[in-house]
Amino acid sequence: MILHTLVFSFGDRRTPEERDEFLAQIKEICLGSGLTQHVATGVHKPATEDQYAPVFVSSAIAQLLCENMETLGQLSAYEPLVTFEQEQQKLKPYGVVWVNSDPLDLSGS
């Protein structure tokens, strides 16, 4: 399994409602593709250290589990997702970075 983690930065260009709708649409599109069975989204919790972030300050996160890198590639090229991303960038540009990794074990063992 591949854990695909996306970190979005909207700055002040989106309201909380717009952010939440963006995340809901990402989740719906990805699950609807049949290429991932698990999508989780969340909102950044601001910290005083955010002002020192060298890249950008996060607004939200999405994590998807894909079977393998080939499946992730298919999802990344999935036309409804590509169209959504392009429309959203034109509407209100945002920054995004991502990490692909094995699923993380947070159990502490």
PDB file of N, CA and C in Angstrom:
ATOM      1  N   MET A   1       0.842  -1.185   0.000  1.00  0.00           N
ATOM      2  CA  MET A   1       0.000   0.000   0.000  1.00  0.00           C
ATOM      3  C   MET A   1       0.887   1.248   0.000  1.00  0.00           C
ATOM      4  N   ILE A   2       0.375   2.279  -0.644  1.00  0.00           N
ATOM      5  CA  ILE A   2       1.062   3.570  -0.698  1.00  0.00           C
ATOM      6  C   ILE A   2       0.182   4.616  -0.020  1.00  0.00           C
ATOM      7  N   LEU A   3       0.753   5.345   0.912  1.00  0.00           N
ATOM      8  CA  LEU A   3       0.072   6.462   1.557  1.00  0.00           C
ATOM      9  C   LEU A   3       0.463   7.729   0.806  1.00  0.00           C
ATOM     10  N   HIS A   4      -0.517   8.371   0.191  1.00  0.00           N
ATOM     11  CA  HIS A   4      -0.306   9.614  -0.556  1.00  0.00           C
ATOM     12  C   HIS A   4      -0.835  10.743   0.318  1.00  0.00           C
ATOM     13  N   THR A   5       0.058  11.590   0.812  1.00  0.00           N
ATOM     14  CA  THR A   5      -0.302  12.687   1.710  1.00  0.00           C
ATOM     15  C   THR A   5      -0.151  14.003   0.965  1.00  0.00           C
ATOM     16  N   LEU A   6      -1.226  14.772   0.916  1.00  0.00           N
ATOM     17  CA  LEU A   6      -1.241  16.083   0.258  1.00  0.00           C
ATOM     18  C   LEU A   6      -1.411  17.155   1.326  1.00  0.00           C
ATOM     19  N   VAL A   7      -0.579  18.189   1.260  1.00  0.00           N
ATOM     20  CA  VAL A   7      -0.682  19.314   2.177  1.00  0.00           C
ATOM     21  C   VAL A   7      -0.990  20.551   1.338  1.00  0.00           C
ATOM     22  N   PHE A   8      -2.132  21.166   1.623  1.00  0.00           N
ATOM     23  CA  PHE A   8      -2.606  22.317   0.860  1.00  0.00           C
ATOM     24  C   PHE A   8      -2.388  23.606   1.635  1.00  0.00           C
ATOM     25  N   SER A   9      -2.068  24.668   0.899  1.00  0.00           N
ATOM     26  CA  SER A   9      -1.979  25.999   1.481  1.00  0.00           C
ATOM     27  C   SER A   9      -2.850  26.950   0.658  1.00  0.00           C
ATOM     28  N   PHE A  10      -3.902  27.442   1.298  1.00  0.00           N
ATOM     29  CA  PHE A  10      -4.828  28.353   0.623  1.00  0.00           C
ATOM     30  C   PHE A  10      -4.564  29.807   0.981  1.00  0.00           C
ATOM     31  N   GLY A  11      -3.721  30.060   1.960  1.00  0.00           N
ATOM     32  CA  GLY A  11      -3.522  31.434   2.416  1.00  0.00           C
ATOM     33  C   GLY A  11      -4.847  31.993   2.891  1.00  0.00           C
ATOM     34  N   ASP A  12      -5.124  33.235   2.544  1.00  0.00           N
ATOM     35  CA  ASP A  12      -6.400  33.833   2.948  1.00  0.00           C
ATOM     36  C   ASP A  12      -7.379  33.891   1.775  1.00  0.00           C
ATOM     37  N   ARG A  13      -7.119  33.068   0.740  1.00  0.00           N
ATOM     38  CA  ARG A  13      -7.943  33.107  -0.462  1.00  0.00           C
ATOM     39  C   ARG A  13      -9.226  32.276  -0.370  1.00  0.00           C
ATOM     40  N   ARG A  14      -9.377  31.474   0.675  1.00  0.00           N
ATOM     41  CA  ARG A  14     -10.584  30.651   0.823  1.00  0.00           C
ATOM     42  C   ARG A  14     -11.140  30.788   2.236  1.00  0.00           C
ATOM     43  N   THR A  15     -12.447  30.804   2.307  1.00  0.00           N
ATOM     44  CA  THR A  15     -13.111  30.800   3.609  1.00  0.00           C
ATOM     45  C   THR A  15     -13.058  29.374   4.164  1.00  0.00           C
ATOM     46  N   PRO A  16     -13.309  29.203   5.455  1.00  0.00           N
ATOM     47  CA  PRO A  16     -13.380  27.847   5.997  1.00  0.00           C
ATOM     48  C   PRO A  16     -14.425  26.982   5.264  1.00  0.00           C
ATOM     49  N   GLU A  17     -15.515  27.585   4.870  1.00  0.00           N
ATOM     50  CA  GLU A  17     -16.549  26.841   4.152  1.00  0.00           C
ATOM     51  C   GLU A  17     -16.046  26.395   2.777  1.00  0.00           C
ATOM     52  N   GLU A  18     -15.333  27.277   2.090  1.00  0.00           N
ATOM     53  CA  GLU A  18     -14.768  26.930   0.783  1.00  0.00           C
ATOM     54  C   GLU A  18     -13.702  25.841   0.921  1.00  0.00           C
ATOM     55  N   ARG A  19     -12.900  25.929   1.960  1.00  0.00           N
ATOM     56  CA  ARG A  19     -11.883  24.905   2.230  1.00  0.00           C
ATOM     57  C   ARG A  19     -12.543  23.557   2.462  1.00  0.00           C
ATOM     58  N   ASP A  20     -13.579  23.544   3.301  1.00  0.00           N
ATOM     59  CA  ASP A  20     -14.260  22.292   3.614  1.00  0.00           C
ATOM     60  C   ASP A  20     -14.926  21.690   2.379  1.00  0.00           C
ATOM     61  N   GLU A  21     -15.487  22.529   1.523  1.00  0.00           N
ATOM     62  CA  GLU A  21     -16.104  22.046   0.285  1.00  0.00           C
ATOM     63  C   GLU A  21     -15.033  21.486  -0.652  1.00  0.00           C
ATOM     64  N   PHE A  22     -13.891  22.138  -0.737  1.00  0.00           N
ATOM     65  CA  PHE A  22     -12.766  21.662  -1.543  1.00  0.00           C
ATOM     66  C   PHE A  22     -12.368  20.255  -1.089  1.00  0.00           C
ATOM     67  N   LEU A  23     -12.190  20.076   0.216  1.00  0.00           N
ATOM     68  CA  LEU A  23     -11.791  18.770   0.747  1.00  0.00           C
ATOM     69  C   LEU A  23     -12.862  17.715   0.510  1.00  0.00           C
ATOM     70  N   ALA A  24     -14.121  18.086   0.667  1.00  0.00           N
ATOM     71  CA  ALA A  24     -15.218  17.141   0.427  1.00  0.00           C
ATOM     72  C   ALA A  24     -15.238  16.697  -1.031  1.00  0.00           C
ATOM     73  N   GLN A  25     -14.977  17.622  -1.938  1.00  0.00           N
ATOM     74  CA  GLN A  25     -14.962  17.276  -3.359  1.00  0.00           C
ATOM     75  C   GLN A  25     -13.774  16.386  -3.703  1.00  0.00           C
ATOM     76  N   ILE A  26     -12.618  16.675  -3.125  1.00  0.00           N
ATOM     77  CA  ILE A  26     -11.442  15.811  -3.327  1.00  0.00           C
ATOM     78  C   ILE A  26     -11.790  14.381  -2.892  1.00  0.00           C
ATOM     79  N   LYS A  27     -12.376  14.272  -1.720  1.00  0.00           N
ATOM     80  CA  LYS A  27     -12.718  12.948  -1.180  1.00  0.00           C
ATOM     81  C   LYS A  27     -13.718  12.230  -2.085  1.00  0.00           C
ATOM     82  N   GLU A  28     -14.751  12.929  -2.506  1.00  0.00           N
ATOM     83  CA  GLU A  28     -15.783  12.334  -3.359  1.00  0.00           C
ATOM     84  C   GLU A  28     -15.200  11.876  -4.700  1.00  0.00           C
ATOM     85  N   ILE A  29     -14.400  12.718  -5.327  1.00  0.00           N
ATOM     86  CA  ILE A  29     -13.809  12.376  -6.620  1.00  0.00           C
ATOM     87  C   ILE A  29     -12.878  11.176  -6.491  1.00  0.00           C
ATOM     88  N   CYS A  30     -12.023  11.187  -5.490  1.00  0.00           N
ATOM     89  CA  CYS A  30     -11.053  10.099  -5.325  1.00  0.00           C
ATOM     90  C   CYS A  30     -11.743   8.774  -5.016  1.00  0.00           C
ATOM     91  N   LEU A  31     -12.692   8.788  -4.111  1.00  0.00           N
ATOM     92  CA  LEU A  31     -13.418   7.551  -3.800  1.00  0.00           C
ATOM     93  C   LEU A  31     -14.229   7.083  -5.000  1.00  0.00           C
ATOM     94  N   GLY A  32     -14.808   8.016  -5.741  1.00  0.00           N
ATOM     95  CA  GLY A  32     -15.598   7.688  -6.913  1.00  0.00           C
ATOM     96  C   GLY A  32     -14.777   7.087  -8.043  1.00  0.00           C
ATOM     97  N   SER A  33     -13.474   7.307  -8.021  1.00  0.00           N
ATOM     98  CA  SER A  33     -12.605   6.765  -9.070  1.00  0.00           C
ATOM     99  C   SER A  33     -12.462   5.253  -8.971  1.00  0.00           C
ATOM    100  N   GLY A  34     -12.665   4.708  -7.777  1.00  0.00           N
ATOM    101  CA  GLY A  34     -12.433   3.286  -7.550  1.00  0.00           C
ATOM    102  C   GLY A  34     -10.959   2.934  -7.412  1.00  0.00           C
ATOM    103  N   LEU A  35     -10.085   3.929  -7.424  1.00  0.00           N
ATOM    104  CA  LEU A  35      -8.644   3.704  -7.355  1.00  0.00           C
ATOM    105  C   LEU A  35      -8.098   3.822  -5.943  1.00  0.00           C
ATOM    106  N   THR A  36      -8.918   4.247  -5.017  1.00  0.00           N
ATOM    107  CA  THR A  36      -8.552   4.295  -3.600  1.00  0.00           C
ATOM    108  C   THR A  36      -9.797   3.942  -2.791  1.00  0.00           C
ATOM    109  N   GLN A  37      -9.599   3.275  -1.697  1.00  0.00           N
ATOM    110  CA  GLN A  37     -10.719   2.921  -0.829  1.00  0.00           C
ATOM    111  C   GLN A  37     -10.745   3.742   0.458  1.00  0.00           C
ATOM    112  N   HIS A  38      -9.667   4.464   0.696  1.00  0.00           N
ATOM    113  CA  HIS A  38      -9.554   5.223   1.938  1.00  0.00           C
ATOM    114  C   HIS A  38      -9.055   6.641   1.657  1.00  0.00           C
ATOM    115  N   VAL A  39      -9.850   7.621   2.086  1.00  0.00           N
ATOM    116  CA  VAL A  39      -9.460   9.031   1.977  1.00  0.00           C
ATOM    117  C   VAL A  39      -9.812   9.696   3.301  1.00  0.00           C
ATOM    118  N   ALA A  40      -8.852  10.380   3.876  1.00  0.00           N
ATOM    119  CA  ALA A  40      -9.096  11.139   5.102  1.00  0.00           C
ATOM    120  C   ALA A  40      -8.637  12.570   4.865  1.00  0.00           C
ATOM    121  N   THR A  41      -9.374  13.519   5.398  1.00  0.00           N
ATOM    122  CA  THR A  41      -9.013  14.928   5.268  1.00  0.00           C
ATOM    123  C   THR A  41      -9.030  15.589   6.638  1.00  0.00           C
ATOM    124  N   GLY A  42      -8.311  16.668   6.751  1.00  0.00           N
ATOM    125  CA  GLY A  42      -8.282  17.402   8.006  1.00  0.00           C
ATOM    126  C   GLY A  42      -7.846  18.834   7.789  1.00  0.00           C
ATOM    127  N   VAL A  43      -7.978  19.606   8.840  1.00  0.00           N
ATOM    128  CA  VAL A  43      -7.677  21.036   8.809  1.00  0.00           C
ATOM    129  C   VAL A  43      -6.450  21.300   9.669  1.00  0.00           C
ATOM    130  N   HIS A  44      -5.572  22.166   9.189  1.00  0.00           N
ATOM    131  CA  HIS A  44      -4.372  22.556   9.931  1.00  0.00           C
ATOM    132  C   HIS A  44      -4.763  23.262  11.232  1.00  0.00           C
ATOM    133  N   LYS A  45      -4.088  22.902  12.296  1.00  0.00           N
ATOM    134  CA  LYS A  45      -4.248  23.569  13.590  1.00  0.00           C
ATOM    135  C   LYS A  45      -3.107  24.574  13.743  1.00  0.00           C
ATOM    136  N   PRO A  46      -3.392  25.860  13.658  1.00  0.00           N
ATOM    137  CA  PRO A  46      -2.332  26.875  13.698  1.00  0.00           C
ATOM    138  C   PRO A  46      -1.498  26.820  14.978  1.00  0.00           C
ATOM    139  N   ALA A  47      -0.219  27.076  14.803  1.00  0.00           N
ATOM    140  CA  ALA A  47       0.724  27.158  15.920  1.00  0.00           C
ATOM    141  C   ALA A  47       1.518  28.451  15.780  1.00  0.00           C
ATOM    142  N   THR A  48       2.067  28.933  16.864  1.00  0.00           N
ATOM    143  CA  THR A  48       2.829  30.180  16.812  1.00  0.00           C
ATOM    144  C   THR A  48       4.046  30.055  15.894  1.00  0.00           C
ATOM    145  N   GLU A  49       4.568  28.832  15.743  1.00  0.00           N
ATOM    146  CA  GLU A  49       5.737  28.610  14.898  1.00  0.00           C
ATOM    147  C   GLU A  49       5.416  28.716  13.415  1.00  0.00           C
ATOM    148  N   ASP A  50       4.155  28.770  13.029  1.00  0.00           N
ATOM    149  CA  ASP A  50       3.772  28.840  11.617  1.00  0.00           C
ATOM    150  C   ASP A  50       4.429  30.008  10.901  1.00  0.00           C
ATOM    151  N   GLN A  51       4.661  31.091  11.609  1.00  0.00           N
ATOM    152  CA  GLN A  51       5.260  32.266  10.970  1.00  0.00           C
ATOM    153  C   GLN A  51       6.666  31.986  10.455  1.00  0.00           C
ATOM    154  N   TYR A  52       7.291  30.908  10.923  1.00  0.00           N
ATOM    155  CA  TYR A  52       8.649  30.571  10.511  1.00  0.00           C
ATOM    156  C   TYR A  52       8.684  29.484   9.435  1.00  0.00           C
ATOM    157  N   ALA A  53       7.538  29.070   8.951  1.00  0.00           N
ATOM    158  CA  ALA A  53       7.489  28.001   7.946  1.00  0.00           C
ATOM    159  C   ALA A  53       8.237  28.436   6.684  1.00  0.00           C
ATOM    160  N   PRO A  54       9.276  27.692   6.275  1.00  0.00           N
ATOM    161  CA  PRO A  54      10.085  28.111   5.137  1.00  0.00           C
ATOM    162  C   PRO A  54       9.414  27.908   3.768  1.00  0.00           C
ATOM    163  N   VAL A  55       8.439  27.012   3.677  1.00  0.00           N
ATOM    164  CA  VAL A  55       7.798  26.747   2.392  1.00  0.00           C
ATOM    165  C   VAL A  55       6.462  27.455   2.323  1.00  0.00           C
ATOM    166  N   PHE A  56       5.536  27.069   3.176  1.00  0.00           N
ATOM    167  CA  PHE A  56       4.243  27.722   3.306  1.00  0.00           C
ATOM    168  C   PHE A  56       3.554  27.223   4.558  1.00  0.00           C
ATOM    169  N   VAL A  57       2.525  27.918   4.963  1.00  0.00           N
ATOM    170  CA  VAL A  57       1.731  27.490   6.109  1.00  0.00           C
ATOM    171  C   VAL A  57       0.577  26.652   5.579  1.00  0.00           C
ATOM    172  N   SER A  58       0.444  25.494   6.123  1.00  0.00           N
ATOM    173  CA  SER A  58      -0.592  24.562   5.708  1.00  0.00           C
ATOM    174  C   SER A  58      -1.982  25.082   6.059  1.00  0.00           C
ATOM    175  N   SER A  59      -2.954  24.723   5.225  1.00  0.00           N
ATOM    176  CA  SER A  59      -4.362  25.011   5.507  1.00  0.00           C
ATOM    177  C   SER A  59      -5.132  23.728   5.777  1.00  0.00           C
ATOM    178  N   ALA A  60      -4.759  22.669   5.045  1.00  0.00           N
ATOM    179  CA  ALA A  60      -5.492  21.414   5.145  1.00  0.00           C
ATOM    180  C   ALA A  60      -4.620  20.272   4.644  1.00  0.00           C
ATOM    181  N   ILE A  61      -5.067  19.055   4.945  1.00  0.00           N
ATOM    182  CA  ILE A  61      -4.344  17.855   4.547  1.00  0.00           C
ATOM    183  C   ILE A  61      -5.341  16.819   4.033  1.00  0.00           C
ATOM    184  N   ALA A  62      -4.874  16.019   3.095  1.00  0.00           N
ATOM    185  CA  ALA A  62      -5.644  14.866   2.626  1.00  0.00           C
ATOM    186  C   ALA A  62      -4.694  13.683   2.546  1.00  0.00           C
ATOM    187  N   GLN A  63      -5.169  12.525   2.969  1.00  0.00           N
ATOM    188  CA  GLN A  63      -4.375  11.311   2.873  1.00  0.00           C
ATOM    189  C   GLN A  63      -5.201  10.242   2.173  1.00  0.00           C
ATOM    190  N   LEU A  64      -4.571   9.576   1.210  1.00  0.00           N
ATOM    191  CA  LEU A  64      -5.227   8.541   0.427  1.00  0.00           C
ATOM    192  C   LEU A  64      -4.372   7.287   0.453  1.00  0.00           C
ATOM    193  N   LEU A  65      -5.003   6.145   0.499  1.00  0.00           N
ATOM    194  CA  LEU A  65      -4.286   4.882   0.390  1.00  0.00           C
ATOM    195  C   LEU A  65      -4.552   4.291  -0.982  1.00  0.00           C
ATOM    196  N   CYS A  66      -3.480   4.006  -1.694  1.00  0.00           N
ATOM    197  CA  CYS A  66      -3.574   3.357  -3.000  1.00  0.00           C
ATOM    198  C   CYS A  66      -2.843   2.023  -2.929  1.00  0.00           C
ATOM    199  N   GLU A  67      -3.267   1.096  -3.763  1.00  0.00           N
ATOM    200  CA  GLU A  67      -2.697  -0.246  -3.756  1.00  0.00           C
ATOM    201  C   GLU A  67      -1.199  -0.242  -4.042  1.00  0.00           C
ATOM    202  N   ASN A  68      -0.762   0.601  -5.003  1.00  0.00           N
ATOM    203  CA  ASN A  68       0.648   0.651  -5.382  1.00  0.00           C
ATOM    204  C   ASN A  68       0.895   1.958  -6.147  1.00  0.00           C
ATOM    205  N   MET A  69       2.120   2.165  -6.577  1.00  0.00           N
ATOM    206  CA  MET A  69       2.462   3.405  -7.282  1.00  0.00           C
ATOM    207  C   MET A  69       1.755   3.503  -8.631  1.00  0.00           C
ATOM    208  N   GLU A  70       1.538   2.368  -9.287  1.00  0.00           N
ATOM    209  CA  GLU A  70       0.827   2.388 -10.559  1.00  0.00           C
ATOM    210  C   GLU A  70      -0.601   2.896 -10.369  1.00  0.00           C
ATOM    211  N   THR A  71      -1.262   2.416  -9.336  1.00  0.00           N
ATOM    212  CA  THR A  71      -2.626   2.864  -9.041  1.00  0.00           C
ATOM    213  C   THR A  71      -2.636   4.348  -8.685  1.00  0.00           C
ATOM    214  N   LEU A  72      -1.649   4.787  -7.928  1.00  0.00           N
ATOM    215  CA  LEU A  72      -1.549   6.213  -7.594  1.00  0.00           C
ATOM    216  C   LEU A  72      -1.375   7.041  -8.865  1.00  0.00           C
ATOM    217  N   GLY A  73      -0.580   6.557  -9.794  1.00  0.00           N
ATOM    218  CA  GLY A  73      -0.401   7.245 -11.063  1.00  0.00           C
ATOM    219  C   GLY A  73      -1.702   7.337 -11.844  1.00  0.00           C
ATOM    220  N   GLN A  74      -2.477   6.272 -11.816  1.00  0.00           N
ATOM    221  CA  GLN A  74      -3.776   6.277 -12.490  1.00  0.00           C
ATOM    222  C   GLN A  74      -4.722   7.274 -11.832  1.00  0.00           C
ATOM    223  N   LEU A  75      -4.700   7.334 -10.513  1.00  0.00           N
ATOM    224  CA  LEU A  75      -5.543   8.288  -9.801  1.00  0.00           C
ATOM    225  C   LEU A  75      -5.116   9.721 -10.127  1.00  0.00           C
ATOM    226  N   SER A  76      -3.823   9.961 -10.155  1.00  0.00           N
ATOM    227  CA  SER A  76      -3.318  11.309 -10.449  1.00  0.00           C
ATOM    228  C   SER A  76      -3.710  11.771 -11.846  1.00  0.00           C
ATOM    229  N   ALA A  77      -3.905  10.823 -12.761  1.00  0.00           N
ATOM    230  CA  ALA A  77      -4.298  11.154 -14.136  1.00  0.00           C
ATOM    231  C   ALA A  77      -5.803  11.036 -14.361  1.00  0.00           C
ATOM    232  N   TYR A  78      -6.560  10.698 -13.330  1.00  0.00           N
ATOM    233  CA  TYR A  78      -8.006  10.505 -13.435  1.00  0.00           C
ATOM    234  C   TYR A  78      -8.659  11.824 -13.864  1.00  0.00           C
ATOM    235  N   GLU A  79      -9.299  11.811 -15.015  1.00  0.00           N
ATOM    236  CA  GLU A  79      -9.779  13.042 -15.647  1.00  0.00           C
ATOM    237  C   GLU A  79     -10.635  13.928 -14.730  1.00  0.00           C
ATOM    238  N   PRO A  80     -11.616  13.388 -13.996  1.00  0.00           N
ATOM    239  CA  PRO A  80     -12.389  14.267 -13.113  1.00  0.00           C
ATOM    240  C   PRO A  80     -11.528  14.962 -12.045  1.00  0.00           C
ATOM    241  N   LEU A  81     -10.493  14.278 -11.571  1.00  0.00           N
ATOM    242  CA  LEU A  81      -9.603  14.883 -10.575  1.00  0.00           C
ATOM    243  C   LEU A  81      -8.730  15.963 -11.219  1.00  0.00           C
ATOM    244  N   VAL A  82      -8.186  15.674 -12.382  1.00  0.00           N
ATOM    245  CA  VAL A  82      -7.358  16.654 -13.098  1.00  0.00           C
ATOM    246  C   VAL A  82      -8.184  17.906 -13.411  1.00  0.00           C
ATOM    247  N   THR A  83      -9.397  17.712 -13.896  1.00  0.00           N
ATOM    248  CA  THR A  83     -10.281  18.838 -14.217  1.00  0.00           C
ATOM    249  C   THR A  83     -10.587  19.656 -12.976  1.00  0.00           C
ATOM    250  N   PHE A  84     -10.900  18.991 -11.873  1.00  0.00           N
ATOM    251  CA  PHE A  84     -11.183  19.685 -10.606  1.00  0.00           C
ATOM    252  C   PHE A  84      -9.984  20.525 -10.180  1.00  0.00           C
ATOM    253  N   GLU A  85      -8.793  19.929 -10.205  1.00  0.00           N
ATOM    254  CA  GLU A  85      -7.590  20.647  -9.791  1.00  0.00           C
ATOM    255  C   GLU A  85      -7.356  21.878 -10.662  1.00  0.00           C
ATOM    256  N   GLN A  86      -7.506  21.725 -11.960  1.00  0.00           N
ATOM    257  CA  GLN A  86      -7.289  22.849 -12.871  1.00  0.00           C
ATOM    258  C   GLN A  86      -8.314  23.954 -12.634  1.00  0.00           C
ATOM    259  N   GLU A  87      -9.565  23.586 -12.460  1.00  0.00           N
ATOM    260  CA  GLU A  87     -10.613  24.589 -12.210  1.00  0.00           C
ATOM    261  C   GLU A  87     -10.369  25.316 -10.895  1.00  0.00           C
ATOM    262  N   GLN A  88      -9.983  24.579  -9.862  1.00  0.00           N
ATOM    263  CA  GLN A  88      -9.737  25.190  -8.560  1.00  0.00           C
ATOM    264  C   GLN A  88      -8.533  26.124  -8.597  1.00  0.00           C
ATOM    265  N   GLN A  89      -7.485  25.743  -9.329  1.00  0.00           N
ATOM    266  CA  GLN A  89      -6.305  26.612  -9.445  1.00  0.00           C
ATOM    267  C   GLN A  89      -6.652  27.913 -10.155  1.00  0.00           C
ATOM    268  N   LYS A  90      -7.530  27.850 -11.153  1.00  0.00           N
ATOM    269  CA  LYS A  90      -7.952  29.061 -11.852  1.00  0.00           C
ATOM    270  C   LYS A  90      -8.843  29.924 -10.973  1.00  0.00           C
ATOM    271  N   LEU A  91      -9.724  29.277 -10.214  1.00  0.00           N
ATOM    272  CA  LEU A  91     -10.669  29.979  -9.357  1.00  0.00           C
ATOM    273  C   LEU A  91      -9.949  30.716  -8.228  1.00  0.00           C
ATOM    274  N   LYS A  92      -9.185  29.984  -7.459  1.00  0.00           N
ATOM    275  CA  LYS A  92      -8.445  30.542  -6.325  1.00  0.00           C
ATOM    276  C   LYS A  92      -7.161  29.730  -6.173  1.00  0.00           C
ATOM    277  N   PRO A  93      -6.056  30.211  -6.734  1.00  0.00           N
ATOM    278  CA  PRO A  93      -4.805  29.450  -6.712  1.00  0.00           C
ATOM    279  C   PRO A  93      -4.402  29.044  -5.292  1.00  0.00           C
ATOM    280  N   TYR A  94      -3.773  27.873  -5.209  1.00  0.00           N
ATOM    281  CA  TYR A  94      -3.320  27.351  -3.924  1.00  0.00           C
ATOM    282  C   TYR A  94      -2.005  26.620  -4.138  1.00  0.00           C
ATOM    283  N   GLY A  95      -1.271  26.458  -3.050  1.00  0.00           N
ATOM    284  CA  GLY A  95      -0.047  25.676  -3.074  1.00  0.00           C
ATOM    285  C   GLY A  95      -0.334  24.268  -2.572  1.00  0.00           C
ATOM    286  N   VAL A  96       0.443  23.317  -3.055  1.00  0.00           N
ATOM    287  CA  VAL A  96       0.294  21.941  -2.580  1.00  0.00           C
ATOM    288  C   VAL A  96       1.644  21.232  -2.676  1.00  0.00           C
ATOM    289  N   VAL A  97       1.935  20.446  -1.666  1.00  0.00           N
ATOM    290  CA  VAL A  97       3.080  19.538  -1.686  1.00  0.00           C
ATOM    291  C   VAL A  97       2.559  18.167  -1.293  1.00  0.00           C
ATOM    292  N   TRP A  98       3.285  17.134  -1.701  1.00  0.00           N
ATOM    293  CA  TRP A  98       2.829  15.796  -1.349  1.00  0.00           C
ATOM    294  C   TRP A  98       4.003  14.892  -1.049  1.00  0.00           C
ATOM    295  N   VAL A  99       3.679  13.815  -0.347  1.00  0.00           N
ATOM    296  CA  VAL A  99       4.649  12.796   0.028  1.00  0.00           C
ATOM    297  C   VAL A  99       4.003  11.446  -0.241  1.00  0.00           C
ATOM    298  N   ASN A 100       4.751  10.551  -0.857  1.00  0.00           N
ATOM    299  CA  ASN A 100       4.308   9.171  -1.059  1.00  0.00           C
ATOM    300  C   ASN A 100       5.178   8.286  -0.182  1.00  0.00           C
ATOM    301  N   SER A 101       4.529   7.453   0.630  1.00  0.00           N
ATOM    302  CA  SER A 101       5.288   6.617   1.559  1.00  0.00           C
ATOM    303  C   SER A 101       4.521   5.339   1.833  1.00  0.00           C
ATOM    304  N   ASP A 102       5.183   4.431   2.512  1.00  0.00           N
ATOM    305  CA  ASP A 102       4.461   3.297   3.064  1.00  0.00           C
ATOM    306  C   ASP A 102       3.553   3.843   4.155  1.00  0.00           C
ATOM    307  N   PRO A 103       2.449   3.160   4.451  1.00  0.00           N
ATOM    308  CA  PRO A 103       1.604   3.615   5.552  1.00  0.00           C
ATOM    309  C   PRO A 103       2.432   3.727   6.836  1.00  0.00           C
ATOM    310  N   LEU A 104       2.165   4.772   7.583  1.00  0.00           N
ATOM    311  CA  LEU A 104       2.930   5.031   8.803  1.00  0.00           C
ATOM    312  C   LEU A 104       2.348   4.271   9.988  1.00  0.00           C
ATOM    313  N   ASP A 105       3.211   3.767  10.835  1.00  0.00           N
ATOM    314  CA  ASP A 105       2.789   3.081  12.049  1.00  0.00           C
ATOM    315  C   ASP A 105       2.894   4.054  13.215  1.00  0.00           C
ATOM    316  N   LEU A 106       1.756   4.504  13.698  1.00  0.00           N
ATOM    317  CA  LEU A 106       1.730   5.474  14.797  1.00  0.00           C
ATOM    318  C   LEU A 106       1.446   4.804  16.144  1.00  0.00           C
ATOM    319  N   SER A 107       1.597   3.491  16.202  1.00  0.00           N
ATOM    320  CA  SER A 107       1.282   2.768  17.436  1.00  0.00           C
ATOM    321  C   SER A 107       2.354   2.935  18.492  1.00  0.00           C
ATOM    322  N   GLY A 108       3.542   3.398  18.104  1.00  0.00           N
ATOM    323  CA  GLY A 108       4.599   3.622  19.083  1.00  0.00           C
ATOM    324  C   GLY A 108       5.472   2.423  19.312  1.00  0.00           C
ATOM    325  N   SER A 109       5.207   1.344  18.618  1.00  0.00           N
ATOM    326  CA  SER A 109       6.046   0.151  18.836  1.00  0.00           C
ATOM    327  C   SER A 109       7.110   0.002  17.787  1.00  0.00           C
TER     328      SER A 109
END
